[in-house]
Amino acid sequence: MRIISEINVQLTEPTVITIGKFDGFHLGHAELIRVAKEHLRPGEKLLVFTFLLPEARRNAQMSLLTRDEKIAQAKRLGADIYLECPFTEEVRRMEAMTFLREVLLSRLNMSHIVAGTDCSFGHMGAGNADLLKEHADGLGYGVSVVDKVRFEGEAISSTRIRAAIEAGQLRQADAMLGFAYPLSGTVLHGHRNGHRIGFPTVNLAIPAGKIVPRYGVYVSRVTIDGRCWYGMSNVGKKPTVSGHEQPNIETHLFDADDDFYGREATVELLDFLRPERAFSSLAVLGEQLAADRAEALDRIGRGCYNVTSL
């Protein structure tokens, strides 16, 4: 998959473009890509077009996925080109028709566009689904407008998924994403408190800019070097043993005893077990972790988690 981070390019092969925020690559975004693939003709490329907001605006709203995770998801769903358009002052002020003619049609060689009912582009958001349909015949391109995908009777949105993650409702969040919510990073050295009570852990910092799930203990799935384990993860500040100001994620892997320090790991949160809380001693914490482990294994044994990985 080709990655482009500007719009001053000239593509020679015709493209089917799907345009949107693609901030979570949830089931609604996946539906846009699925419809776009249906309109591909021989020799055409599927292009996912999204806007890259200035860093200050990105930091103001925590992300569902990191940039690398978005790119991985676009590739998994079958995109040939992933274009992240920097939302510069020039782009912000560009009139919608100029964007349509000069960027989408001229530079990106668009033959067909797939957009959601709430798509927005151009100065003051003047470009929308109605404008795309209005000018399709005259400018010689095809257009498909895709309705919202719904879950439990309501439209799926990144805002709704964020709220579910922050509430610890990972089964609902994962169902709307279409994959398990991932937290990735390098395995760090800890204080080995878990090891002392029989629950060694894989420790990760929560990636900067990502939504922090509700503090608590989760059933999880961990991938390291292509190998996968179930486990249980604590998200939070470990109040029994430390006063960490920054939350992290500690995961006890079931049936794994390797030394993973320094390796890259992805932790997928599958289900909420209980809130994080302080215990009177490590021994009492160990008793609770044993109960957590039994509950997690019971849920895993009952086949509760069929969600795919990113």
C-alpha atoms as a PDB file:
ATOM      1  CA  MET A   1       0.000   0.000   0.000  1.00  0.00           C
ATOM      2  CA  ARG A   2       1.304   3.430  -0.966  1.00  0.00           C
ATOM      3  CA  ILE A   3       1.228   6.145   1.724  1.00  0.00           C
ATOM      4  CA  ILE A   4       0.934   9.792   0.653  1.00  0.00           C
ATOM      5  CA  SER A   5       1.109  12.716   3.075  1.00  0.00           C
ATOM      6  CA  GLU A   6       0.379  15.622   0.723  1.00  0.00           C
ATOM      7  CA  ILE A   7      -2.032  16.611  -2.040  1.00  0.00           C
ATOM      8  CA  ASN A   8       0.530  18.115  -4.424  1.00  0.00           C
ATOM      9  CA  VAL A   9       0.827  14.834  -6.261  1.00  0.00           C
ATOM     10  CA  GLN A  10      -0.225  13.664  -9.699  1.00  0.00           C
ATOM     11  CA  LEU A  11      -1.607  10.154  -9.963  1.00  0.00           C
ATOM     12  CA  THR A  12      -1.687   8.573 -13.381  1.00  0.00           C
ATOM     13  CA  GLU A  13      -3.876   5.558 -12.625  1.00  0.00           C
ATOM     14  CA  PRO A  14      -7.581   6.232 -12.109  1.00  0.00           C
ATOM     15  CA  THR A  15      -8.816   5.950  -8.536  1.00  0.00           C
ATOM     16  CA  VAL A  16     -11.935   5.098  -6.603  1.00  0.00           C
ATOM     17  CA  ILE A  17     -11.786   7.393  -3.585  1.00  0.00           C
ATOM     18  CA  THR A  18     -13.468   7.031  -0.232  1.00  0.00           C
ATOM     19  CA  ILE A  19     -13.275  10.160   1.864  1.00  0.00           C
ATOM     20  CA  GLY A  20     -13.803  10.568   5.589  1.00  0.00           C
ATOM     21  CA  LYS A  21     -12.222  11.125   8.992  1.00  0.00           C
ATOM     22  CA  PHE A  22     -11.223   7.470   9.365  1.00  0.00           C
ATOM     23  CA  ASP A  23     -10.216   8.241  12.959  1.00  0.00           C
ATOM     24  CA  GLY A  24     -11.257   4.830  14.210  1.00  0.00           C
ATOM     25  CA  PHE A  25     -11.633   2.665  11.101  1.00  0.00           C
ATOM     26  CA  HIS A  26     -14.798   1.351  12.734  1.00  0.00           C
ATOM     27  CA  LEU A  27     -17.514  -0.648  10.972  1.00  0.00           C
ATOM     28  CA  GLY A  28     -18.947   2.500   9.385  1.00  0.00           C
ATOM     29  CA  HIS A  29     -15.574   3.323   7.847  1.00  0.00           C
ATOM     30  CA  ALA A  30     -15.112  -0.297   6.796  1.00  0.00           C
ATOM     31  CA  GLU A  31     -18.449  -0.120   4.978  1.00  0.00           C
ATOM     32  CA  LEU A  32     -17.231   2.882   2.956  1.00  0.00           C
ATOM     33  CA  ILE A  33     -14.197   0.885   1.856  1.00  0.00           C
ATOM     34  CA  ARG A  34     -16.313  -2.187   1.073  1.00  0.00           C
ATOM     35  CA  VAL A  35     -18.592  -0.158  -1.199  1.00  0.00           C
ATOM     36  CA  ALA A  36     -15.583   1.505  -2.837  1.00  0.00           C
ATOM     37  CA  LYS A  37     -14.124  -1.920  -3.676  1.00  0.00           C
ATOM     38  CA  GLU A  38     -17.370  -2.818  -5.450  1.00  0.00           C
ATOM     39  CA  HIS A  39     -16.842   0.074  -7.874  1.00  0.00           C
ATOM     40  CA  LEU A  40     -13.239  -0.743  -8.773  1.00  0.00           C
ATOM     41  CA  ARG A  41     -12.628  -1.504 -12.438  1.00  0.00           C
ATOM     42  CA  PRO A  42      -9.502  -3.108 -13.907  1.00  0.00           C
ATOM     43  CA  GLY A  43      -6.531  -0.774 -13.607  1.00  0.00           C
ATOM     44  CA  GLU A  44      -8.094   1.419 -10.908  1.00  0.00           C
ATOM     45  CA  LYS A  45      -6.712   1.944  -7.408  1.00  0.00           C
ATOM     46  CA  LEU A  46      -8.668   2.214  -4.165  1.00  0.00           C
ATOM     47  CA  LEU A  47      -7.644   5.408  -2.354  1.00  0.00           C
ATOM     48  CA  VAL A  48      -8.570   6.173   1.256  1.00  0.00           C
ATOM     49  CA  PHE A  49      -8.543   9.960   1.719  1.00  0.00           C
ATOM     50  CA  THR A  50      -8.459  11.499   5.186  1.00  0.00           C
ATOM     51  CA  PHE A  51      -7.428  14.812   6.694  1.00  0.00           C
ATOM     52  CA  LEU A  52      -4.488  15.133   9.080  1.00  0.00           C
ATOM     53  CA  LEU A  53      -5.422  17.789  11.632  1.00  0.00           C
ATOM     54  CA  PRO A  54      -2.809  20.101  13.192  1.00  0.00           C
ATOM     55  CA  GLU A  55      -1.122  18.585  16.250  1.00  0.00           C
ATOM     56  CA  ALA A  56      -2.857  20.952  18.672  1.00  0.00           C
ATOM     57  CA  ARG A  57      -6.283  19.870  17.425  1.00  0.00           C
ATOM     58  CA  ARG A  58      -5.280  16.192  17.446  1.00  0.00           C
ATOM     59  CA  ASN A  59      -4.138  16.482  21.072  1.00  0.00           C
ATOM     60  CA  ALA A  60      -7.411  18.121  22.078  1.00  0.00           C
ATOM     61  CA  GLN A  61      -9.314  14.940  21.237  1.00  0.00           C
ATOM     62  CA  MET A  62      -7.792  11.620  22.228  1.00  0.00           C
ATOM     63  CA  SER A  63      -7.475   9.146  19.377  1.00  0.00           C
ATOM     64  CA  LEU A  64      -8.922   5.691  18.951  1.00  0.00           C
ATOM     65  CA  LEU A  65      -5.931   4.608  16.860  1.00  0.00           C
ATOM     66  CA  THR A  66      -2.368   5.762  16.369  1.00  0.00           C
ATOM     67  CA  ARG A  67      -1.215   6.728  12.880  1.00  0.00           C
ATOM     68  CA  ASP A  68       0.523   3.368  12.454  1.00  0.00           C
ATOM     69  CA  GLU A  69      -2.649   1.535  13.521  1.00  0.00           C
ATOM     70  CA  LYS A  70      -4.739   3.515  11.018  1.00  0.00           C
ATOM     71  CA  ILE A  71      -2.341   2.660   8.231  1.00  0.00           C
ATOM     72  CA  ALA A  72      -2.405  -1.016   9.230  1.00  0.00           C
ATOM     73  CA  GLN A  73      -6.187  -1.014   9.197  1.00  0.00           C
ATOM     74  CA  ALA A  74      -6.387   0.674   5.781  1.00  0.00           C
ATOM     75  CA  LYS A  75      -4.056  -1.975   4.396  1.00  0.00           C
ATOM     76  CA  ARG A  76      -6.009  -4.802   6.028  1.00  0.00           C
ATOM     77  CA  LEU A  77      -9.253  -3.547   4.482  1.00  0.00           C
ATOM     78  CA  GLY A  78      -7.745  -3.514   1.007  1.00  0.00           C
ATOM     79  CA  ALA A  79      -6.707   0.079   0.259  1.00  0.00           C
ATOM     80  CA  ASP A  80      -4.079   0.564  -2.448  1.00  0.00           C
ATOM     81  CA  ILE A  81      -3.302   4.157  -1.427  1.00  0.00           C
ATOM     82  CA  TYR A  82      -3.642   5.872   1.945  1.00  0.00           C
ATOM     83  CA  LEU A  83      -3.605   9.656   1.617  1.00  0.00           C
ATOM     84  CA  GLU A  84      -3.519  11.818   4.731  1.00  0.00           C
ATOM     85  CA  CYS A  85      -4.012  15.416   3.661  1.00  0.00           C
ATOM     86  CA  PRO A  86      -2.403  17.939   6.042  1.00  0.00           C
ATOM     87  CA  PHE A  87      -5.141  20.362   7.101  1.00  0.00           C
ATOM     88  CA  THR A  88      -3.106  23.459   6.337  1.00  0.00           C
ATOM     89  CA  GLU A  89      -4.444  26.999   6.094  1.00  0.00           C
ATOM     90  CA  GLU A  90      -4.448  26.609   2.303  1.00  0.00           C
ATOM     91  CA  VAL A  91      -6.558  23.461   2.524  1.00  0.00           C
ATOM     92  CA  ARG A  92      -8.866  24.993   5.147  1.00  0.00           C
ATOM     93  CA  ARG A  93      -9.601  27.974   2.884  1.00  0.00           C
ATOM     94  CA  MET A  94      -9.953  25.995  -0.336  1.00  0.00           C
ATOM     95  CA  GLU A  95     -13.434  26.260  -1.815  1.00  0.00           C
ATOM     96  CA  ALA A  96     -15.318  22.994  -2.101  1.00  0.00           C
ATOM     97  CA  MET A  97     -15.544  23.092  -5.906  1.00  0.00           C
ATOM     98  CA  THR A  98     -11.836  23.868  -6.180  1.00  0.00           C
ATOM     99  CA  PHE A  99     -11.095  20.887  -3.943  1.00  0.00           C
ATOM    100  CA  LEU A 100     -13.352  18.676  -6.048  1.00  0.00           C
ATOM    101  CA  ARG A 101     -11.970  19.774  -9.419  1.00  0.00           C
ATOM    102  CA  GLU A 102      -8.298  20.369  -8.684  1.00  0.00           C
ATOM    103  CA  VAL A 103      -7.550  17.841  -5.957  1.00  0.00           C
ATOM    104  CA  LEU A 104      -9.919  14.916  -6.344  1.00  0.00           C
ATOM    105  CA  LEU A 105     -10.433  14.953 -10.117  1.00  0.00           C
ATOM    106  CA  SER A 106      -7.266  16.513 -11.540  1.00  0.00           C
ATOM    107  CA  ARG A 107      -4.489  15.467  -9.179  1.00  0.00           C
ATOM    108  CA  LEU A 108      -5.912  12.214  -7.812  1.00  0.00           C
ATOM    109  CA  ASN A 109      -7.545  11.108 -11.089  1.00  0.00           C
ATOM    110  CA  MET A 110     -10.832  10.153  -9.421  1.00  0.00           C
ATOM    111  CA  SER A 111     -13.359   8.087 -11.384  1.00  0.00           C
ATOM    112  CA  HIS A 112     -15.737   7.357  -8.500  1.00  0.00           C
ATOM    113  CA  ILE A 113     -16.149   8.639  -4.940  1.00  0.00           C
ATOM    114  CA  VAL A 114     -17.741   6.943  -1.927  1.00  0.00           C
ATOM    115  CA  ALA A 115     -18.754   9.119   1.003  1.00  0.00           C
ATOM    116  CA  GLY A 116     -20.913   9.021   4.099  1.00  0.00           C
ATOM    117  CA  THR A 117     -24.082  11.049   4.499  1.00  0.00           C
ATOM    118  CA  ASP A 118     -22.214  13.481   6.771  1.00  0.00           C
ATOM    119  CA  CYS A 119     -19.037  13.922   4.711  1.00  0.00           C
ATOM    120  CA  SER A 120     -17.531  17.400   4.740  1.00  0.00           C
ATOM    121  CA  PHE A 121     -14.777  19.133   2.775  1.00  0.00           C
ATOM    122  CA  GLY A 122     -13.884  22.573   1.474  1.00  0.00           C
ATOM    123  CA  HIS A 123     -14.054  25.993   3.139  1.00  0.00           C
ATOM    124  CA  MET A 124     -16.598  26.104   5.964  1.00  0.00           C
ATOM    125  CA  GLY A 125     -17.540  22.498   5.162  1.00  0.00           C
ATOM    126  CA  ALA A 126     -19.443  23.574   2.059  1.00  0.00           C
ATOM    127  CA  GLY A 127     -18.591  20.322   0.303  1.00  0.00           C
ATOM    128  CA  ASN A 128     -20.977  17.523   1.203  1.00  0.00           C
ATOM    129  CA  ALA A 129     -22.759  14.493  -0.187  1.00  0.00           C
ATOM    130  CA  ASP A 130     -25.360  16.633  -1.966  1.00  0.00           C
ATOM    131  CA  LEU A 131     -22.674  18.655  -3.761  1.00  0.00           C
ATOM    132  CA  LEU A 132     -20.920  15.460  -4.866  1.00  0.00           C
ATOM    133  CA  LYS A 133     -24.153  14.091  -6.326  1.00  0.00           C
ATOM    134  CA  GLU A 134     -25.087  17.411  -7.946  1.00  0.00           C
ATOM    135  CA  HIS A 135     -21.891  17.648 -10.015  1.00  0.00           C
ATOM    136  CA  ALA A 136     -21.226  13.961 -10.753  1.00  0.00           C
ATOM    137  CA  ASP A 137     -22.718  13.861 -14.266  1.00  0.00           C
ATOM    138  CA  GLY A 138     -21.346  17.218 -15.348  1.00  0.00           C
ATOM    139  CA  LEU A 139     -17.799  16.474 -14.200  1.00  0.00           C
ATOM    140  CA  GLY A 140     -17.828  12.840 -15.282  1.00  0.00           C
ATOM    141  CA  TYR A 141     -17.409  10.824 -12.103  1.00  0.00           C
ATOM    142  CA  GLY A 142     -19.531   8.338 -10.206  1.00  0.00           C
ATOM    143  CA  VAL A 143     -20.716   8.817  -6.638  1.00  0.00           C
ATOM    144  CA  SER A 144     -22.070   6.546  -3.901  1.00  0.00           C
ATOM    145  CA  VAL A 145     -23.417   7.888  -0.617  1.00  0.00           C
ATOM    146  CA  VAL A 146     -23.424   5.300   2.162  1.00  0.00           C
ATOM    147  CA  ASP A 147     -25.799   5.367   5.117  1.00  0.00           C
ATOM    148  CA  LYS A 148     -24.570   5.055   8.695  1.00  0.00           C
ATOM    149  CA  VAL A 149     -23.947   1.552  10.016  1.00  0.00           C
ATOM    150  CA  ARG A 150     -25.958   0.917  13.162  1.00  0.00           C
ATOM    151  CA  PHE A 151     -25.272  -1.039  16.337  1.00  0.00           C
ATOM    152  CA  GLU A 152     -28.017  -1.791  18.840  1.00  0.00           C
ATOM    153  CA  GLY A 153     -30.324   0.599  17.003  1.00  0.00           C
ATOM    154  CA  GLU A 154     -28.013   3.624  16.941  1.00  0.00           C
ATOM    155  CA  ALA A 155     -25.518   4.909  14.392  1.00  0.00           C
ATOM    156  CA  ILE A 156     -21.911   3.900  14.980  1.00  0.00           C
ATOM    157  CA  SER A 157     -19.604   6.876  15.489  1.00  0.00           C
ATOM    158  CA  SER A 158     -16.128   7.476  16.866  1.00  0.00           C
ATOM    159  CA  THR A 159     -17.675   9.617  19.607  1.00  0.00           C
ATOM    160  CA  ARG A 160     -19.858   6.722  20.697  1.00  0.00           C
ATOM    161  CA  ILE A 161     -16.904   4.315  20.669  1.00  0.00           C
ATOM    162  CA  ARG A 162     -14.766   6.727  22.711  1.00  0.00           C
ATOM    163  CA  ALA A 163     -17.515   6.958  25.327  1.00  0.00           C
ATOM    164  CA  ALA A 164     -17.773   3.154  25.528  1.00  0.00           C
ATOM    165  CA  ILE A 165     -13.999   2.783  26.017  1.00  0.00           C
ATOM    166  CA  GLU A 166     -13.899   5.469  28.693  1.00  0.00           C
ATOM    167  CA  ALA A 167     -16.752   3.664  30.479  1.00  0.00           C
ATOM    168  CA  GLY A 168     -14.956   0.313  30.322  1.00  0.00           C
ATOM    169  CA  GLN A 169     -17.544  -1.120  27.905  1.00  0.00           C
ATOM    170  CA  LEU A 170     -14.980  -2.835  25.717  1.00  0.00           C
ATOM    171  CA  ARG A 171     -17.276  -5.519  24.356  1.00  0.00           C
ATOM    172  CA  GLN A 172     -19.538  -2.815  22.930  1.00  0.00           C
ATOM    173  CA  ALA A 173     -16.578  -0.759  21.705  1.00  0.00           C
ATOM    174  CA  ASP A 174     -14.967  -3.779  20.030  1.00  0.00           C
ATOM    175  CA  ALA A 175     -18.272  -4.710  18.387  1.00  0.00           C
ATOM    176  CA  MET A 176     -18.546  -1.227  16.838  1.00  0.00           C
ATOM    177  CA  LEU A 177     -14.891  -1.144  15.810  1.00  0.00           C
ATOM    178  CA  GLY A 178     -15.036  -4.591  14.251  1.00  0.00           C
ATOM    179  CA  PHE A 179     -11.769  -5.493  15.982  1.00  0.00           C
ATOM    180  CA  ALA A 180     -10.394  -5.532  19.511  1.00  0.00           C
ATOM    181  CA  TYR A 181      -9.239  -2.145  20.854  1.00  0.00           C
ATOM    182  CA  PRO A 182      -5.404  -2.240  20.800  1.00  0.00           C
ATOM    183  CA  LEU A 183      -2.740  -0.675  23.002  1.00  0.00           C
ATOM    184  CA  SER A 184       0.781  -1.208  21.662  1.00  0.00           C
ATOM    185  CA  GLY A 185       4.301  -0.422  22.763  1.00  0.00           C
ATOM    186  CA  THR A 186       7.636  -1.691  23.998  1.00  0.00           C
ATOM    187  CA  VAL A 187       7.616  -3.985  27.035  1.00  0.00           C
ATOM    188  CA  LEU A 188       9.088  -2.061  29.967  1.00  0.00           C
ATOM    189  CA  HIS A 189      10.798  -3.124  33.166  1.00  0.00           C
ATOM    190  CA  GLY A 190       8.552  -2.922  36.220  1.00  0.00           C
ATOM    191  CA  HIS A 191       9.100  -3.360  39.958  1.00  0.00           C
ATOM    192  CA  ARG A 192       8.391  -7.125  39.812  1.00  0.00           C
ATOM    193  CA  ASN A 193       5.675  -6.880  42.464  1.00  0.00           C
ATOM    194  CA  GLY A 194       3.448  -9.135  40.377  1.00  0.00           C
ATOM    195  CA  HIS A 195       6.236 -11.689  40.080  1.00  0.00           C
ATOM    196  CA  ARG A 196       6.572 -11.802  43.876  1.00  0.00           C
ATOM    197  CA  ILE A 197       2.935 -12.837  44.307  1.00  0.00           C
ATOM    198  CA  GLY A 198       2.830 -15.286  41.410  1.00  0.00           C
ATOM    199  CA  PHE A 199       1.447 -12.966  38.729  1.00  0.00           C
ATOM    200  CA  PRO A 200       4.334 -11.711  36.549  1.00  0.00           C
ATOM    201  CA  THR A 201       3.286  -9.020  34.119  1.00  0.00           C
ATOM    202  CA  VAL A 202       4.103  -7.471  30.760  1.00  0.00           C
ATOM    203  CA  ASN A 203       4.188  -3.707  31.300  1.00  0.00           C
ATOM    204  CA  LEU A 204       3.405  -1.067  28.653  1.00  0.00           C
ATOM    205  CA  ALA A 205       3.024   2.681  28.707  1.00  0.00           C
ATOM    206  CA  ILE A 206      -0.286   3.801  27.213  1.00  0.00           C
ATOM    207  CA  PRO A 207       0.577   5.380  23.836  1.00  0.00           C
ATOM    208  CA  ALA A 208       0.498   9.175  23.878  1.00  0.00           C
ATOM    209  CA  GLY A 209      -2.697  10.603  22.460  1.00  0.00           C
ATOM    210  CA  LYS A 210      -4.753   7.431  22.772  1.00  0.00           C
ATOM    211  CA  ILE A 211      -7.941   7.190  24.781  1.00  0.00           C
ATOM    212  CA  VAL A 212      -7.318   5.779  28.256  1.00  0.00           C
ATOM    213  CA  PRO A 213      -9.928   3.135  29.103  1.00  0.00           C
ATOM    214  CA  ARG A 214     -11.675   3.160  32.453  1.00  0.00           C
ATOM    215  CA  TYR A 215      -9.243   2.147  35.177  1.00  0.00           C
ATOM    216  CA  GLY A 216      -9.722  -1.474  36.058  1.00  0.00           C
ATOM    217  CA  VAL A 217      -8.969  -5.099  35.259  1.00  0.00           C
ATOM    218  CA  TYR A 218      -9.823  -6.550  31.845  1.00  0.00           C
ATOM    219  CA  VAL A 219      -9.779  -9.848  30.021  1.00  0.00           C
ATOM    220  CA  SER A 220      -7.200  -9.279  27.310  1.00  0.00           C
ATOM    221  CA  ARG A 221      -5.336 -10.814  24.415  1.00  0.00           C
ATOM    222  CA  VAL A 222      -1.647 -10.110  23.816  1.00  0.00           C
ATOM    223  CA  THR A 223       0.468 -10.514  20.693  1.00  0.00           C
ATOM    224  CA  ILE A 224       4.291 -10.524  20.871  1.00  0.00           C
ATOM    225  CA  ASP A 225       6.521 -11.590  17.968  1.00  0.00           C
ATOM    226  CA  GLY A 226       3.549 -13.122  16.182  1.00  0.00           C
ATOM    227  CA  ARG A 227       2.561 -15.292  19.171  1.00  0.00           C
ATOM    228  CA  CYS A 228      -0.730 -14.740  20.967  1.00  0.00           C
ATOM    229  CA  TRP A 229      -1.884 -15.332  24.550  1.00  0.00           C
ATOM    230  CA  TYR A 230      -4.959 -14.552  26.563  1.00  0.00           C
ATOM    231  CA  GLY A 231      -4.399 -12.759  29.813  1.00  0.00           C
ATOM    232  CA  MET A 232      -5.764 -10.185  32.216  1.00  0.00           C
ATOM    233  CA  SER A 233      -4.714  -6.551  32.195  1.00  0.00           C
ATOM    234  CA  ASN A 234      -4.820  -3.771  34.741  1.00  0.00           C
ATOM    235  CA  VAL A 235      -5.239  -0.284  33.327  1.00  0.00           C
ATOM    236  CA  GLY A 236      -4.490   2.453  35.824  1.00  0.00           C
ATOM    237  CA  LYS A 237      -2.021   3.697  38.413  1.00  0.00           C
ATOM    238  CA  LYS A 238      -1.500   0.572  40.555  1.00  0.00           C
ATOM    239  CA  PRO A 239      -2.692   2.170  43.833  1.00  0.00           C
ATOM    240  CA  THR A 240      -1.658  -0.810  45.992  1.00  0.00           C
ATOM    241  CA  VAL A 241       2.032  -0.520  45.160  1.00  0.00           C
ATOM    242  CA  SER A 242       2.692   2.941  43.724  1.00  0.00           C
ATOM    243  CA  GLY A 243       1.488   6.470  43.272  1.00  0.00           C
ATOM    244  CA  HIS A 244       2.149   6.617  39.538  1.00  0.00           C
ATOM    245  CA  GLU A 245       0.874   9.842  38.031  1.00  0.00           C
ATOM    246  CA  GLN A 246       0.778   8.353  34.526  1.00  0.00           C
ATOM    247  CA  PRO A 247      -1.525   5.388  33.964  1.00  0.00           C
ATOM    248  CA  ASN A 248      -0.065   2.288  32.370  1.00  0.00           C
ATOM    249  CA  ILE A 249      -1.185  -1.202  31.448  1.00  0.00           C
ATOM    250  CA  GLU A 250       0.122  -4.349  33.160  1.00  0.00           C
ATOM    251  CA  THR A 251      -0.837  -7.713  31.728  1.00  0.00           C
ATOM    252  CA  HIS A 252      -0.496 -11.162  33.244  1.00  0.00           C
ATOM    253  CA  LEU A 253      -0.258 -13.691  30.409  1.00  0.00           C
ATOM    254  CA  PHE A 254      -1.848 -17.084  30.842  1.00  0.00           C
ATOM    255  CA  ASP A 255       0.575 -19.957  30.163  1.00  0.00           C
ATOM    256  CA  ALA A 256       3.599 -17.841  29.250  1.00  0.00           C
ATOM    257  CA  ASP A 257       6.878 -17.599  31.130  1.00  0.00           C
ATOM    258  CA  ASP A 258       9.250 -15.947  28.634  1.00  0.00           C
ATOM    259  CA  ASP A 259      11.233 -12.771  29.278  1.00  0.00           C
ATOM    260  CA  PHE A 260       9.622 -10.187  26.999  1.00  0.00           C
ATOM    261  CA  TYR A 261      11.499  -7.045  28.045  1.00  0.00           C
ATOM    262  CA  GLY A 262      12.300  -4.763  25.130  1.00  0.00           C
ATOM    263  CA  ARG A 263       9.987  -6.496  22.681  1.00  0.00           C
ATOM    264  CA  GLU A 264       7.026  -4.912  20.909  1.00  0.00           C
ATOM    265  CA  ALA A 265       3.644  -6.017  22.222  1.00  0.00           C
ATOM    266  CA  THR A 266       0.006  -5.322  21.443  1.00  0.00           C
ATOM    267  CA  VAL A 267      -2.579  -5.681  24.203  1.00  0.00           C
ATOM    268  CA  GLU A 268      -6.212  -5.978  23.096  1.00  0.00           C
ATOM    269  CA  LEU A 269      -8.816  -5.294  25.762  1.00  0.00           C
ATOM    270  CA  LEU A 270     -11.776  -7.643  25.437  1.00  0.00           C
ATOM    271  CA  ASP A 271     -13.960  -7.349  28.539  1.00  0.00           C
ATOM    272  CA  PHE A 272     -14.172  -5.459  31.836  1.00  0.00           C
ATOM    273  CA  LEU A 273     -13.768  -7.537  35.003  1.00  0.00           C
ATOM    274  CA  ARG A 274     -13.713  -5.022  37.861  1.00  0.00           C
ATOM    275  CA  PRO A 275     -12.638  -1.467  38.772  1.00  0.00           C
ATOM    276  CA  GLU A 276      -9.097  -0.752  39.931  1.00  0.00           C
ATOM    277  CA  ARG A 277      -8.752  -0.318  43.681  1.00  0.00           C
ATOM    278  CA  ALA A 278      -6.134  -0.290  46.418  1.00  0.00           C
ATOM    279  CA  PHE A 279      -5.609  -3.380  48.605  1.00  0.00           C
ATOM    280  CA  SER A 280      -4.233  -3.519  52.125  1.00  0.00           C
ATOM    281  CA  SER A 281      -1.260  -5.687  51.151  1.00  0.00           C
ATOM    282  CA  LEU A 282       0.326  -7.574  48.271  1.00  0.00           C
ATOM    283  CA  ALA A 283      -0.998 -10.812  49.763  1.00  0.00           C
ATOM    284  CA  VAL A 284      -4.594  -9.546  49.607  1.00  0.00           C
ATOM    285  CA  LEU A 285      -3.971  -8.280  46.077  1.00  0.00           C
ATOM    286  CA  GLY A 286      -2.701 -11.743  45.131  1.00  0.00           C
ATOM    287  CA  GLU A 287      -5.924 -13.342  46.406  1.00  0.00           C
ATOM    288  CA  GLN A 288      -7.999 -10.967  44.294  1.00  0.00           C
ATOM    289  CA  LEU A 289      -5.845 -11.601  41.218  1.00  0.00           C
ATOM    290  CA  ALA A 290      -6.410 -15.333  41.616  1.00  0.00           C
ATOM    291  CA  ALA A 291     -10.160 -14.700  41.587  1.00  0.00           C
ATOM    292  CA  ASP A 292      -9.783 -12.406  38.571  1.00  0.00           C
ATOM    293  CA  ARG A 293      -7.811 -15.075  36.752  1.00  0.00           C
ATOM    294  CA  ALA A 294     -10.463 -17.710  37.425  1.00  0.00           C
ATOM    295  CA  GLU A 295     -13.219 -15.403  36.162  1.00  0.00           C
ATOM    296  CA  ALA A 296     -11.245 -14.474  33.047  1.00  0.00           C
ATOM    297  CA  LEU A 297     -10.501 -18.114  32.204  1.00  0.00           C
ATOM    298  CA  ASP A 298     -14.155 -18.995  32.705  1.00  0.00           C
ATOM    299  CA  ARG A 299     -15.265 -16.326  30.233  1.00  0.00           C
ATOM    300  CA  ILE A 300     -12.599 -17.348  27.745  1.00  0.00           C
ATOM    301  CA  GLY A 301     -13.621 -20.991  28.129  1.00  0.00           C
ATOM    302  CA  ARG A 302     -17.210 -20.102  27.361  1.00  0.00           C
ATOM    303  CA  GLY A 303     -16.124 -18.633  24.023  1.00  0.00           C
ATOM    304  CA  CYS A 304     -17.148 -15.071  24.806  1.00  0.00           C
ATOM    305  CA  TYR A 305     -14.571 -13.415  22.561  1.00  0.00           C
ATOM    306  CA  ASN A 306     -14.659 -13.943  18.801  1.00  0.00           C
ATOM    307  CA  VAL A 307     -13.581 -10.411  17.873  1.00  0.00           C
ATOM    308  CA  THR A 308     -10.747 -10.158  15.355  1.00  0.00           C
ATOM    309  CA  SER A 309      -7.404  -8.449  15.839  1.00  0.00           C
ATOM    310  CA  LEU A 310      -6.368  -5.220  14.156  1.00  0.00           C
END
